[in-house]
Amino acid sequence: MNKLLVETFTLGPLATNAYLISEPTENKAIIIDPGMQPQSLIERITDLQIEAILLTHAHLDHIGGVDEIRKLKKCPVYLHSLESKWLTDPELNGSTRWPELGAPIYTDPAEFTLEEGQTLHFLGAEFKVFHTPGHSPGSVSFLLEDDIFSGDVLFQHSMGRTDLPGGNSEQLYESIYEKLFVLEDKVKVHPGHGPSTTIGHEREHNPFL
């Protein structure tokens, strides 16, 4: 198998990272967290077959591009069962809380639910699902070999906020220490906002941890 290509698209007013993971020789890809104002991502995927949209969680800034891309590419969406209603409800996904960021966001429910310990198979690779709640009840992280896509759980020198509905500080610390910090130092962390980092760097230098 060829090494998969990871591209980052920083989208929308909250500078949310969307990730395009592709198999270059076959023109196939998956998307993690297609956020608001996704035009640059949509232009990039014109000639790609999108196998799936994976959501780390369903806050407004991570789902703003779901409806347009799902209809354009006819691809399924994966989301943790604890947030199964969030795509259909702007109150739950937070898009009515900040009207200055845009119109309320709602779309059809996810086609598939995610659970702790699940392994997804895309692009000839395995994506392992870790349930990492704390920022939101259904937050998950996806491990692809030595890359972890952590959503809004772990950032470079920071961690997710817990003051939104369903947030829980104790759960967030547990998720980071018991699910992420047990990974090898070399594992690269691709967060929902800001630059990438590594597990080893955050274990040593993150001032919140």
N, C-alpha and C. Protein backbone atom coordinates (compact mmCIF):
# COMPACT_ATOMS: atom_id res chain seq x y z
N MET A 1 0.83 -1.20 0.00
CA MET A 1 0.00 0.00 0.00
C MET A 1 0.87 1.25 0.00
N ASN A 2 0.52 2.20 -0.83
CA ASN A 2 1.22 3.48 -0.83
C ASN A 2 0.91 4.25 0.45
N LYS A 3 1.84 5.08 0.88
CA LYS A 3 1.59 5.89 2.06
C LYS A 3 0.48 6.89 1.76
N LEU A 4 -0.46 6.99 2.69
CA LEU A 4 -1.57 7.90 2.50
C LEU A 4 -1.11 9.34 2.70
N LEU A 5 -1.72 10.23 1.95
CA LEU A 5 -1.41 11.65 2.01
C LEU A 5 -2.41 12.35 2.92
N VAL A 6 -1.91 13.14 3.88
CA VAL A 6 -2.77 13.90 4.78
C VAL A 6 -2.63 15.38 4.44
N GLU A 7 -3.75 16.01 4.06
CA GLU A 7 -3.76 17.44 3.76
C GLU A 7 -4.70 18.16 4.74
N THR A 8 -4.29 19.34 5.17
CA THR A 8 -5.06 20.13 6.12
C THR A 8 -5.69 21.33 5.43
N PHE A 9 -6.97 21.55 5.71
CA PHE A 9 -7.69 22.73 5.21
C PHE A 9 -8.26 23.46 6.42
N THR A 10 -7.83 24.69 6.63
CA THR A 10 -8.31 25.47 7.76
C THR A 10 -9.50 26.31 7.31
N LEU A 11 -10.68 25.99 7.86
CA LEU A 11 -11.94 26.48 7.30
C LEU A 11 -12.73 27.33 8.29
N GLY A 12 -13.43 28.32 7.76
CA GLY A 12 -14.45 29.02 8.51
C GLY A 12 -13.94 30.03 9.51
N PRO A 13 -14.88 30.72 10.17
CA PRO A 13 -14.53 31.81 11.08
C PRO A 13 -13.81 31.36 12.34
N LEU A 14 -13.89 30.08 12.68
CA LEU A 14 -13.19 29.58 13.86
C LEU A 14 -11.92 28.81 13.50
N ALA A 15 -11.49 28.93 12.26
CA ALA A 15 -10.24 28.31 11.79
C ALA A 15 -10.16 26.85 12.20
N THR A 16 -11.14 26.10 11.74
CA THR A 16 -11.24 24.68 12.07
C THR A 16 -10.49 23.85 11.05
N ASN A 17 -9.71 22.90 11.52
CA ASN A 17 -8.94 22.03 10.63
C ASN A 17 -9.82 20.90 10.09
N ALA A 18 -9.94 20.85 8.77
CA ALA A 18 -10.51 19.69 8.10
C ALA A 18 -9.34 18.91 7.50
N TYR A 19 -9.45 17.60 7.50
CA TYR A 19 -8.36 16.77 6.99
C TYR A 19 -8.85 15.93 5.82
N LEU A 20 -8.09 15.98 4.74
CA LEU A 20 -8.32 15.14 3.58
C LEU A 20 -7.23 14.08 3.55
N ILE A 21 -7.62 12.84 3.64
CA ILE A 21 -6.67 11.72 3.64
C ILE A 21 -6.90 10.94 2.37
N SER A 22 -5.89 10.84 1.54
CA SER A 22 -6.10 10.27 0.21
C SER A 22 -5.07 9.21 -0.13
N GLU A 23 -5.49 8.35 -1.07
CA GLU A 23 -4.63 7.35 -1.68
C GLU A 23 -4.31 7.90 -3.08
N PRO A 24 -3.17 8.56 -3.25
CA PRO A 24 -2.92 9.34 -4.47
C PRO A 24 -3.05 8.57 -5.77
N THR A 25 -2.68 7.31 -5.79
CA THR A 25 -2.68 6.58 -7.05
C THR A 25 -4.07 6.12 -7.47
N GLU A 26 -5.03 6.17 -6.56
CA GLU A 26 -6.37 5.67 -6.88
C GLU A 26 -7.44 6.76 -6.86
N ASN A 27 -7.05 8.00 -6.53
CA ASN A 27 -8.01 9.11 -6.50
C ASN A 27 -9.16 8.86 -5.54
N LYS A 28 -8.85 8.21 -4.43
CA LYS A 28 -9.85 7.97 -3.39
C LYS A 28 -9.40 8.67 -2.12
N ALA A 29 -10.39 9.10 -1.32
CA ALA A 29 -10.06 9.83 -0.11
C ALA A 29 -11.18 9.72 0.91
N ILE A 30 -10.86 10.09 2.16
CA ILE A 30 -11.88 10.33 3.16
C ILE A 30 -11.65 11.74 3.71
N ILE A 31 -12.66 12.29 4.35
CA ILE A 31 -12.57 13.61 4.95
C ILE A 31 -12.89 13.51 6.43
N ILE A 32 -12.09 14.16 7.26
CA ILE A 32 -12.40 14.29 8.68
C ILE A 32 -12.78 15.74 8.96
N ASP A 33 -13.97 15.95 9.50
CA ASP A 33 -14.45 17.26 9.97
C ASP A 33 -14.48 18.35 8.89
N PRO A 34 -15.34 18.20 7.89
CA PRO A 34 -15.48 19.28 6.90
C PRO A 34 -16.23 20.47 7.50
N GLY A 35 -15.51 21.52 7.82
CA GLY A 35 -16.07 22.63 8.57
C GLY A 35 -16.80 23.65 7.73
N MET A 36 -17.04 24.80 8.33
CA MET A 36 -17.78 25.88 7.69
C MET A 36 -16.96 26.51 6.56
N GLN A 37 -17.68 27.07 5.58
CA GLN A 37 -17.05 27.71 4.43
C GLN A 37 -16.02 26.76 3.78
N PRO A 38 -16.49 25.63 3.25
CA PRO A 38 -15.58 24.57 2.79
C PRO A 38 -15.13 24.68 1.34
N GLN A 39 -15.20 25.88 0.75
CA GLN A 39 -14.97 25.99 -0.69
C GLN A 39 -13.61 25.45 -1.12
N SER A 40 -12.56 25.77 -0.36
CA SER A 40 -11.23 25.31 -0.76
C SER A 40 -11.13 23.79 -0.74
N LEU A 41 -11.79 23.16 0.21
CA LEU A 41 -11.81 21.70 0.28
C LEU A 41 -12.61 21.12 -0.88
N ILE A 42 -13.75 21.73 -1.19
CA ILE A 42 -14.59 21.24 -2.28
C ILE A 42 -13.85 21.33 -3.62
N GLU A 43 -13.11 22.40 -3.82
CA GLU A 43 -12.33 22.53 -5.06
C GLU A 43 -11.28 21.42 -5.15
N ARG A 44 -10.69 21.07 -4.03
CA ARG A 44 -9.64 20.04 -4.02
C ARG A 44 -10.18 18.65 -4.35
N ILE A 45 -11.43 18.38 -3.96
CA ILE A 45 -11.95 17.01 -4.12
C ILE A 45 -12.75 16.82 -5.40
N THR A 46 -12.68 17.78 -6.31
CA THR A 46 -13.47 17.71 -7.55
C THR A 46 -13.33 16.36 -8.24
N ASP A 47 -12.12 15.88 -8.36
CA ASP A 47 -11.87 14.64 -9.11
C ASP A 47 -11.63 13.44 -8.20
N LEU A 48 -11.97 13.57 -6.93
CA LEU A 48 -11.74 12.47 -5.99
C LEU A 48 -13.04 11.75 -5.65
N GLN A 49 -12.92 10.45 -5.46
CA GLN A 49 -14.02 9.68 -4.90
C GLN A 49 -13.89 9.73 -3.38
N ILE A 50 -14.89 10.29 -2.71
CA ILE A 50 -14.85 10.38 -1.25
C ILE A 50 -15.57 9.17 -0.66
N GLU A 51 -14.83 8.34 0.06
CA GLU A 51 -15.40 7.11 0.61
C GLU A 51 -16.24 7.38 1.85
N ALA A 52 -15.89 8.41 2.61
CA ALA A 52 -16.64 8.66 3.85
C ALA A 52 -16.26 10.03 4.41
N ILE A 53 -17.16 10.57 5.21
CA ILE A 53 -16.89 11.73 6.06
C ILE A 53 -16.89 11.22 7.50
N LEU A 54 -15.77 11.39 8.19
CA LEU A 54 -15.67 10.99 9.59
C LEU A 54 -15.71 12.25 10.45
N LEU A 55 -16.53 12.24 11.49
CA LEU A 55 -16.66 13.39 12.36
C LEU A 55 -16.10 13.07 13.75
N THR A 56 -15.18 13.92 14.21
CA THR A 56 -14.68 13.75 15.57
C THR A 56 -15.75 14.13 16.58
N HIS A 57 -16.63 15.06 16.20
CA HIS A 57 -17.78 15.45 17.01
C HIS A 57 -18.63 16.38 16.15
N ALA A 58 -19.78 16.81 16.68
CA ALA A 58 -20.74 17.49 15.82
C ALA A 58 -21.01 18.93 16.24
N HIS A 59 -19.98 19.64 16.71
CA HIS A 59 -20.14 21.07 16.91
C HIS A 59 -20.16 21.79 15.56
N LEU A 60 -20.81 22.94 15.55
CA LEU A 60 -21.07 23.66 14.30
C LEU A 60 -19.84 23.84 13.41
N ASP A 61 -18.70 24.16 14.02
CA ASP A 61 -17.53 24.49 13.21
C ASP A 61 -16.86 23.27 12.59
N HIS A 62 -17.29 22.07 13.00
CA HIS A 62 -16.73 20.84 12.44
C HIS A 62 -17.67 20.18 11.44
N ILE A 63 -18.91 20.68 11.33
CA ILE A 63 -19.90 20.02 10.47
C ILE A 63 -20.46 20.95 9.40
N GLY A 64 -19.96 22.19 9.32
CA GLY A 64 -20.55 23.16 8.41
C GLY A 64 -20.55 22.75 6.94
N GLY A 65 -19.60 21.90 6.55
CA GLY A 65 -19.53 21.47 5.16
C GLY A 65 -20.11 20.10 4.89
N VAL A 66 -20.67 19.47 5.92
CA VAL A 66 -21.16 18.09 5.77
C VAL A 66 -22.24 17.99 4.70
N ASP A 67 -23.25 18.83 4.78
CA ASP A 67 -24.40 18.69 3.89
C ASP A 67 -24.00 18.85 2.43
N GLU A 68 -23.21 19.89 2.15
CA GLU A 68 -22.82 20.15 0.76
C GLU A 68 -21.95 19.03 0.20
N ILE A 69 -20.99 18.58 0.98
CA ILE A 69 -20.07 17.55 0.48
C ILE A 69 -20.77 16.19 0.39
N ARG A 70 -21.61 15.87 1.35
CA ARG A 70 -22.31 14.59 1.29
C ARG A 70 -23.20 14.51 0.05
N LYS A 71 -23.89 15.60 -0.27
CA LYS A 71 -24.76 15.59 -1.45
C LYS A 71 -23.94 15.58 -2.74
N LEU A 72 -22.82 16.32 -2.73
CA LEU A 72 -21.98 16.39 -3.92
C LEU A 72 -21.32 15.06 -4.24
N LYS A 73 -20.83 14.39 -3.19
CA LYS A 73 -20.03 13.18 -3.39
C LYS A 73 -20.78 11.89 -3.05
N LYS A 74 -22.01 12.04 -2.56
CA LYS A 74 -22.83 10.86 -2.24
C LYS A 74 -22.08 9.88 -1.34
N CYS A 75 -21.53 10.43 -0.26
CA CYS A 75 -20.73 9.61 0.65
C CYS A 75 -21.39 9.56 2.03
N PRO A 76 -21.18 8.49 2.78
CA PRO A 76 -21.79 8.36 4.10
C PRO A 76 -21.02 9.15 5.16
N VAL A 77 -21.73 9.46 6.24
CA VAL A 77 -21.16 10.19 7.37
C VAL A 77 -21.13 9.26 8.58
N TYR A 78 -20.03 9.34 9.33
CA TYR A 78 -19.84 8.54 10.55
C TYR A 78 -19.74 9.48 11.74
N LEU A 79 -20.51 9.19 12.81
CA LEU A 79 -20.55 10.04 14.00
C LEU A 79 -20.89 9.18 15.21
N HIS A 80 -20.34 9.51 16.37
CA HIS A 80 -20.61 8.72 17.57
C HIS A 80 -22.11 8.77 17.93
N SER A 81 -22.60 7.66 18.44
CA SER A 81 -24.04 7.54 18.72
C SER A 81 -24.54 8.55 19.74
N LEU A 82 -23.67 9.01 20.66
CA LEU A 82 -24.10 9.96 21.68
C LEU A 82 -24.44 11.33 21.09
N GLU A 83 -24.01 11.56 19.85
CA GLU A 83 -24.34 12.82 19.19
C GLU A 83 -25.19 12.59 17.94
N SER A 84 -25.93 11.50 17.95
CA SER A 84 -26.67 11.10 16.75
C SER A 84 -27.72 12.14 16.33
N LYS A 85 -28.21 12.94 17.27
CA LYS A 85 -29.24 13.94 16.94
C LYS A 85 -28.66 15.30 16.59
N TRP A 86 -27.36 15.46 16.76
CA TRP A 86 -26.78 16.81 16.65
C TRP A 86 -26.78 17.35 15.22
N LEU A 87 -26.65 16.48 14.23
CA LEU A 87 -26.65 16.97 12.84
C LEU A 87 -28.00 17.54 12.45
N THR A 88 -29.06 17.06 13.06
CA THR A 88 -30.41 17.49 12.69
C THR A 88 -30.92 18.63 13.56
N ASP A 89 -30.18 19.00 14.60
CA ASP A 89 -30.67 19.95 15.59
C ASP A 89 -29.68 21.09 15.82
N PRO A 90 -29.96 22.28 15.31
CA PRO A 90 -29.04 23.42 15.47
C PRO A 90 -28.83 23.82 16.93
N GLU A 91 -29.80 23.53 17.79
CA GLU A 91 -29.60 23.82 19.22
C GLU A 91 -28.50 22.95 19.79
N LEU A 92 -28.49 21.68 19.42
CA LEU A 92 -27.49 20.76 19.95
C LEU A 92 -26.11 21.01 19.35
N ASN A 93 -26.04 21.29 18.05
CA ASN A 93 -24.71 21.48 17.44
C ASN A 93 -24.15 22.88 17.68
N GLY A 94 -24.94 23.74 18.30
CA GLY A 94 -24.44 25.05 18.71
C GLY A 94 -24.58 26.16 17.69
N SER A 95 -25.15 25.86 16.54
CA SER A 95 -25.16 26.88 15.49
C SER A 95 -26.19 27.97 15.74
N THR A 96 -27.11 27.76 16.68
CA THR A 96 -28.02 28.84 17.06
C THR A 96 -27.43 29.70 18.18
N ARG A 97 -26.37 29.19 18.81
CA ARG A 97 -25.75 29.90 19.94
C ARG A 97 -24.94 31.11 19.45
N TRP A 98 -24.34 30.99 18.27
CA TRP A 98 -23.52 32.07 17.72
C TRP A 98 -24.05 32.47 16.34
N PRO A 99 -25.17 33.15 16.28
CA PRO A 99 -25.76 33.49 14.98
C PRO A 99 -24.86 34.37 14.12
N GLU A 100 -23.92 35.07 14.77
CA GLU A 100 -23.02 35.92 13.99
C GLU A 100 -22.08 35.09 13.11
N LEU A 101 -21.96 33.80 13.38
CA LEU A 101 -21.07 32.94 12.59
C LEU A 101 -21.75 32.40 11.33
N GLY A 102 -23.08 32.50 11.28
CA GLY A 102 -23.77 31.98 10.11
C GLY A 102 -25.15 31.46 10.46
N ALA A 103 -25.81 30.92 9.45
CA ALA A 103 -27.17 30.40 9.62
C ALA A 103 -27.14 29.11 10.44
N PRO A 104 -28.29 28.75 11.04
CA PRO A 104 -28.36 27.45 11.74
C PRO A 104 -27.97 26.31 10.81
N ILE A 105 -27.25 25.34 11.35
CA ILE A 105 -26.76 24.20 10.57
C ILE A 105 -27.58 22.96 10.92
N TYR A 106 -28.15 22.36 9.90
CA TYR A 106 -28.81 21.07 10.10
C TYR A 106 -28.74 20.28 8.81
N THR A 107 -28.65 18.98 8.97
CA THR A 107 -28.57 18.08 7.83
C THR A 107 -29.15 16.74 8.26
N ASP A 108 -29.14 15.78 7.35
CA ASP A 108 -29.66 14.46 7.69
C ASP A 108 -28.77 13.79 8.74
N PRO A 109 -29.30 12.83 9.47
CA PRO A 109 -28.47 12.10 10.45
C PRO A 109 -27.31 11.38 9.75
N ALA A 110 -26.32 11.01 10.55
CA ALA A 110 -25.21 10.22 10.03
C ALA A 110 -25.71 8.84 9.59
N GLU A 111 -25.12 8.31 8.54
CA GLU A 111 -25.49 6.97 8.08
C GLU A 111 -24.98 5.88 9.00
N PHE A 112 -23.83 6.14 9.66
CA PHE A 112 -23.21 5.12 10.51
C PHE A 112 -22.80 5.73 11.84
N THR A 113 -22.87 4.92 12.89
CA THR A 113 -22.44 5.38 14.21
C THR A 113 -21.07 4.80 14.55
N LEU A 114 -20.35 5.55 15.36
CA LEU A 114 -19.01 5.18 15.80
C LEU A 114 -19.07 4.74 17.26
N GLU A 115 -18.22 3.78 17.62
CA GLU A 115 -18.16 3.29 18.99
C GLU A 115 -16.71 3.04 19.38
N GLU A 116 -16.44 3.11 20.67
CA GLU A 116 -15.10 2.80 21.21
C GLU A 116 -14.63 1.44 20.72
N GLY A 117 -13.37 1.38 20.28
CA GLY A 117 -12.76 0.12 19.88
C GLY A 117 -13.06 -0.32 18.47
N GLN A 118 -13.87 0.41 17.76
CA GLN A 118 -14.21 0.07 16.39
C GLN A 118 -13.00 0.28 15.47
N THR A 119 -12.91 -0.52 14.43
CA THR A 119 -11.90 -0.32 13.40
C THR A 119 -12.60 -0.12 12.06
N LEU A 120 -12.31 1.00 11.43
CA LEU A 120 -12.87 1.30 10.11
C LEU A 120 -11.83 1.00 9.04
N HIS A 121 -12.29 0.56 7.90
CA HIS A 121 -11.38 0.21 6.81
C HIS A 121 -11.66 1.09 5.60
N PHE A 122 -10.72 1.98 5.33
CA PHE A 122 -10.81 2.86 4.16
C PHE A 122 -9.43 2.97 3.52
N LEU A 123 -9.40 3.13 2.21
CA LEU A 123 -8.16 3.41 1.48
C LEU A 123 -7.12 2.33 1.73
N GLY A 124 -7.56 1.13 2.00
CA GLY A 124 -6.64 0.03 2.27
C GLY A 124 -5.95 0.11 3.61
N ALA A 125 -6.48 0.96 4.51
CA ALA A 125 -5.86 1.17 5.82
C ALA A 125 -6.90 1.00 6.93
N GLU A 126 -6.40 0.93 8.17
CA GLU A 126 -7.26 0.80 9.33
C GLU A 126 -7.29 2.11 10.12
N PHE A 127 -8.47 2.54 10.45
CA PHE A 127 -8.68 3.70 11.30
C PHE A 127 -9.31 3.21 12.60
N LYS A 128 -8.57 3.32 13.69
CA LYS A 128 -9.08 2.85 14.97
C LYS A 128 -9.80 3.99 15.69
N VAL A 129 -10.96 3.68 16.26
CA VAL A 129 -11.81 4.68 16.88
C VAL A 129 -11.64 4.64 18.40
N PHE A 130 -11.27 5.78 18.96
CA PHE A 130 -11.22 5.94 20.42
C PHE A 130 -12.32 6.90 20.83
N HIS A 131 -13.16 6.49 21.75
CA HIS A 131 -14.14 7.42 22.31
C HIS A 131 -13.42 8.29 23.32
N THR A 132 -13.35 9.60 23.05
CA THR A 132 -12.57 10.52 23.90
C THR A 132 -13.46 11.69 24.34
N PRO A 133 -14.46 11.43 25.18
CA PRO A 133 -15.38 12.48 25.60
C PRO A 133 -14.73 13.49 26.53
N GLY A 134 -15.44 14.56 26.77
CA GLY A 134 -14.96 15.62 27.65
C GLY A 134 -15.24 16.98 27.04
N HIS A 135 -14.78 17.17 25.81
CA HIS A 135 -15.15 18.39 25.09
C HIS A 135 -16.62 18.32 24.69
N SER A 136 -17.04 17.15 24.27
CA SER A 136 -18.45 16.86 23.99
C SER A 136 -18.68 15.39 24.27
N PRO A 137 -19.93 14.97 24.48
CA PRO A 137 -20.19 13.58 24.90
C PRO A 137 -19.73 12.53 23.90
N GLY A 138 -19.86 12.85 22.61
CA GLY A 138 -19.54 11.86 21.59
C GLY A 138 -18.23 12.12 20.88
N SER A 139 -17.34 12.89 21.47
CA SER A 139 -16.04 13.15 20.83
C SER A 139 -15.27 11.85 20.63
N VAL A 140 -14.69 11.70 19.46
CA VAL A 140 -13.84 10.54 19.18
C VAL A 140 -12.53 11.02 18.57
N SER A 141 -11.52 10.16 18.64
CA SER A 141 -10.24 10.38 17.96
C SER A 141 -10.00 9.20 17.04
N PHE A 142 -9.38 9.45 15.90
CA PHE A 142 -9.12 8.41 14.91
C PHE A 142 -7.61 8.18 14.81
N LEU A 143 -7.19 6.93 15.00
CA LEU A 143 -5.77 6.58 14.89
C LEU A 143 -5.52 5.87 13.58
N LEU A 144 -4.65 6.46 12.77
CA LEU A 144 -4.21 5.87 11.50
C LEU A 144 -2.71 5.66 11.61
N GLU A 145 -2.29 4.45 11.90
CA GLU A 145 -0.88 4.13 12.10
C GLU A 145 -0.26 5.09 13.11
N ASP A 146 0.62 5.99 12.68
CA ASP A 146 1.27 6.91 13.62
C ASP A 146 0.70 8.32 13.57
N ASP A 147 -0.57 8.43 13.17
CA ASP A 147 -1.26 9.72 13.13
C ASP A 147 -2.56 9.61 13.90
N ILE A 148 -2.82 10.57 14.80
CA ILE A 148 -4.09 10.59 15.52
C ILE A 148 -4.79 11.91 15.24
N PHE A 149 -6.05 11.79 14.89
CA PHE A 149 -6.87 12.96 14.59
C PHE A 149 -7.77 13.17 15.81
N SER A 150 -7.44 14.21 16.60
CA SER A 150 -7.96 14.31 17.96
C SER A 150 -9.14 15.27 18.12
N GLY A 151 -9.61 15.87 17.03
CA GLY A 151 -10.72 16.80 17.18
C GLY A 151 -10.37 17.91 18.16
N ASP A 152 -11.31 18.21 19.06
CA ASP A 152 -11.08 19.27 20.03
C ASP A 152 -10.75 18.72 21.41
N VAL A 153 -10.06 17.59 21.44
CA VAL A 153 -9.65 16.98 22.71
C VAL A 153 -8.27 17.47 23.13
N LEU A 154 -7.31 17.35 22.23
CA LEU A 154 -5.92 17.71 22.53
C LEU A 154 -5.38 18.62 21.43
N PHE A 155 -4.77 19.73 21.84
CA PHE A 155 -4.14 20.67 20.91
C PHE A 155 -2.66 20.83 21.26
N GLN A 156 -1.93 21.51 20.39
CA GLN A 156 -0.56 21.89 20.74
C GLN A 156 -0.61 22.86 21.92
N HIS A 157 -0.02 22.42 23.05
CA HIS A 157 0.08 23.24 24.26
C HIS A 157 -1.29 23.64 24.83
N SER A 158 -2.33 22.88 24.52
CA SER A 158 -3.65 23.20 25.04
C SER A 158 -4.54 21.96 25.02
N MET A 159 -5.77 22.13 25.46
CA MET A 159 -6.74 21.04 25.45
C MET A 159 -8.12 21.63 25.21
N GLY A 160 -9.10 20.78 24.97
CA GLY A 160 -10.42 21.24 24.61
C GLY A 160 -11.15 21.96 25.72
N ARG A 161 -12.05 22.86 25.34
CA ARG A 161 -12.88 23.54 26.33
C ARG A 161 -13.97 22.61 26.81
N THR A 162 -14.42 22.81 28.02
CA THR A 162 -15.45 21.93 28.60
C THR A 162 -16.66 22.71 29.09
N ASP A 163 -16.78 23.97 28.67
CA ASP A 163 -17.87 24.81 29.16
C ASP A 163 -19.08 24.83 28.24
N LEU A 164 -19.08 24.03 27.19
CA LEU A 164 -20.23 23.92 26.31
C LEU A 164 -21.13 22.78 26.80
N PRO A 165 -22.41 22.75 26.39
CA PRO A 165 -23.30 21.70 26.85
C PRO A 165 -22.72 20.29 26.60
N GLY A 166 -22.75 19.48 27.63
CA GLY A 166 -22.20 18.12 27.52
C GLY A 166 -20.72 18.02 27.80
N GLY A 167 -20.05 19.17 28.03
CA GLY A 167 -18.63 19.14 28.35
C GLY A 167 -18.40 18.65 29.77
N ASN A 168 -17.23 18.04 30.01
CA ASN A 168 -16.93 17.48 31.32
C ASN A 168 -15.41 17.43 31.50
N SER A 169 -14.89 18.23 32.41
CA SER A 169 -13.44 18.32 32.58
C SER A 169 -12.82 17.01 33.02
N GLU A 170 -13.46 16.32 33.93
CA GLU A 170 -12.92 15.04 34.41
C GLU A 170 -12.83 14.03 33.27
N GLN A 171 -13.87 13.98 32.45
CA GLN A 171 -13.85 13.07 31.30
C GLN A 171 -12.74 13.44 30.32
N LEU A 172 -12.53 14.75 30.13
CA LEU A 172 -11.51 15.19 29.17
C LEU A 172 -10.12 14.76 29.63
N TYR A 173 -9.80 14.98 30.89
CA TYR A 173 -8.50 14.54 31.40
C TYR A 173 -8.36 13.02 31.26
N GLU A 174 -9.41 12.30 31.57
CA GLU A 174 -9.37 10.84 31.47
C GLU A 174 -9.13 10.41 30.03
N SER A 175 -9.81 11.07 29.09
CA SER A 175 -9.63 10.73 27.68
C SER A 175 -8.19 10.94 27.24
N ILE A 176 -7.61 12.07 27.65
CA ILE A 176 -6.24 12.39 27.23
C ILE A 176 -5.24 11.43 27.85
N TYR A 177 -5.37 11.20 29.16
CA TYR A 177 -4.37 10.37 29.84
C TYR A 177 -4.53 8.89 29.54
N GLU A 178 -5.77 8.41 29.41
CA GLU A 178 -5.99 6.97 29.26
C GLU A 178 -6.09 6.51 27.82
N LYS A 179 -6.39 7.42 26.90
CA LYS A 179 -6.53 7.02 25.50
C LYS A 179 -5.40 7.55 24.63
N LEU A 180 -4.99 8.80 24.83
CA LEU A 180 -4.01 9.42 23.94
C LEU A 180 -2.59 9.32 24.47
N PHE A 181 -2.39 9.62 25.74
CA PHE A 181 -1.03 9.63 26.28
C PHE A 181 -0.44 8.24 26.48
N VAL A 182 -1.20 7.20 26.22
CA VAL A 182 -0.66 5.84 26.24
C VAL A 182 -0.06 5.47 24.87
N LEU A 183 -0.27 6.33 23.88
CA LEU A 183 0.32 6.09 22.56
C LEU A 183 1.80 6.43 22.58
N GLU A 184 2.51 5.99 21.55
CA GLU A 184 3.96 6.24 21.48
C GLU A 184 4.25 7.72 21.28
N ASP A 185 5.42 8.14 21.75
CA ASP A 185 5.83 9.54 21.64
C ASP A 185 5.77 10.06 20.21
N LYS A 186 6.10 9.20 19.25
CA LYS A 186 6.23 9.65 17.86
C LYS A 186 4.89 9.89 17.18
N VAL A 187 3.79 9.47 17.78
CA VAL A 187 2.49 9.62 17.13
C VAL A 187 2.18 11.10 16.92
N LYS A 188 1.88 11.45 15.68
CA LYS A 188 1.59 12.85 15.33
C LYS A 188 0.13 13.16 15.62
N VAL A 189 -0.10 14.28 16.29
CA VAL A 189 -1.44 14.71 16.67
C VAL A 189 -1.92 15.76 15.68
N HIS A 190 -3.06 15.48 15.05
CA HIS A 190 -3.68 16.42 14.13
C HIS A 190 -4.95 16.94 14.81
N PRO A 191 -4.90 18.15 15.39
CA PRO A 191 -6.02 18.63 16.19
C PRO A 191 -7.08 19.36 15.36
N GLY A 192 -8.20 19.67 16.03
CA GLY A 192 -9.29 20.37 15.36
C GLY A 192 -9.00 21.83 15.08
N HIS A 193 -8.01 22.39 15.78
CA HIS A 193 -7.60 23.78 15.57
C HIS A 193 -6.10 23.88 15.83
N GLY A 194 -5.44 24.76 15.10
CA GLY A 194 -4.04 25.01 15.35
C GLY A 194 -3.11 23.98 14.71
N PRO A 195 -1.80 24.13 14.98
CA PRO A 195 -0.80 23.27 14.33
C PRO A 195 -0.77 21.86 14.90
N SER A 196 -0.20 20.97 14.11
CA SER A 196 -0.01 19.59 14.56
C SER A 196 1.12 19.55 15.59
N THR A 197 1.15 18.45 16.33
CA THR A 197 2.15 18.26 17.37
C THR A 197 2.39 16.75 17.50
N THR A 198 3.01 16.32 18.57
CA THR A 198 3.19 14.89 18.80
C THR A 198 2.76 14.55 20.23
N ILE A 199 2.46 13.29 20.43
CA ILE A 199 2.10 12.82 21.77
C ILE A 199 3.25 13.08 22.74
N GLY A 200 4.46 12.77 22.34
CA GLY A 200 5.61 12.96 23.22
C GLY A 200 5.80 14.42 23.62
N HIS A 201 5.64 15.31 22.65
CA HIS A 201 5.81 16.74 22.95
C HIS A 201 4.76 17.22 23.94
N GLU A 202 3.51 16.81 23.73
CA GLU A 202 2.45 17.28 24.63
C GLU A 202 2.56 16.65 26.01
N ARG A 203 3.01 15.42 26.06
CA ARG A 203 3.19 14.78 27.36
C ARG A 203 4.23 15.53 28.19
N GLU A 204 5.23 16.08 27.53
CA GLU A 204 6.32 16.77 28.23
C GLU A 204 6.07 18.26 28.42
N HIS A 205 5.38 18.90 27.49
CA HIS A 205 5.37 20.36 27.45
C HIS A 205 4.00 21.02 27.55
N ASN A 206 2.91 20.24 27.52
CA ASN A 206 1.59 20.87 27.55
C ASN A 206 1.33 21.43 28.94
N PRO A 207 1.16 22.76 29.08
CA PRO A 207 1.04 23.35 30.41
C PRO A 207 -0.25 22.99 31.15
N PHE A 208 -1.25 22.49 30.42
CA PHE A 208 -2.51 22.10 31.04
C PHE A 208 -2.48 20.66 31.55
N LEU A 209 -1.44 19.93 31.20
CA LEU A 209 -1.41 18.50 31.49
C LEU A 209 -0.18 18.11 32.27
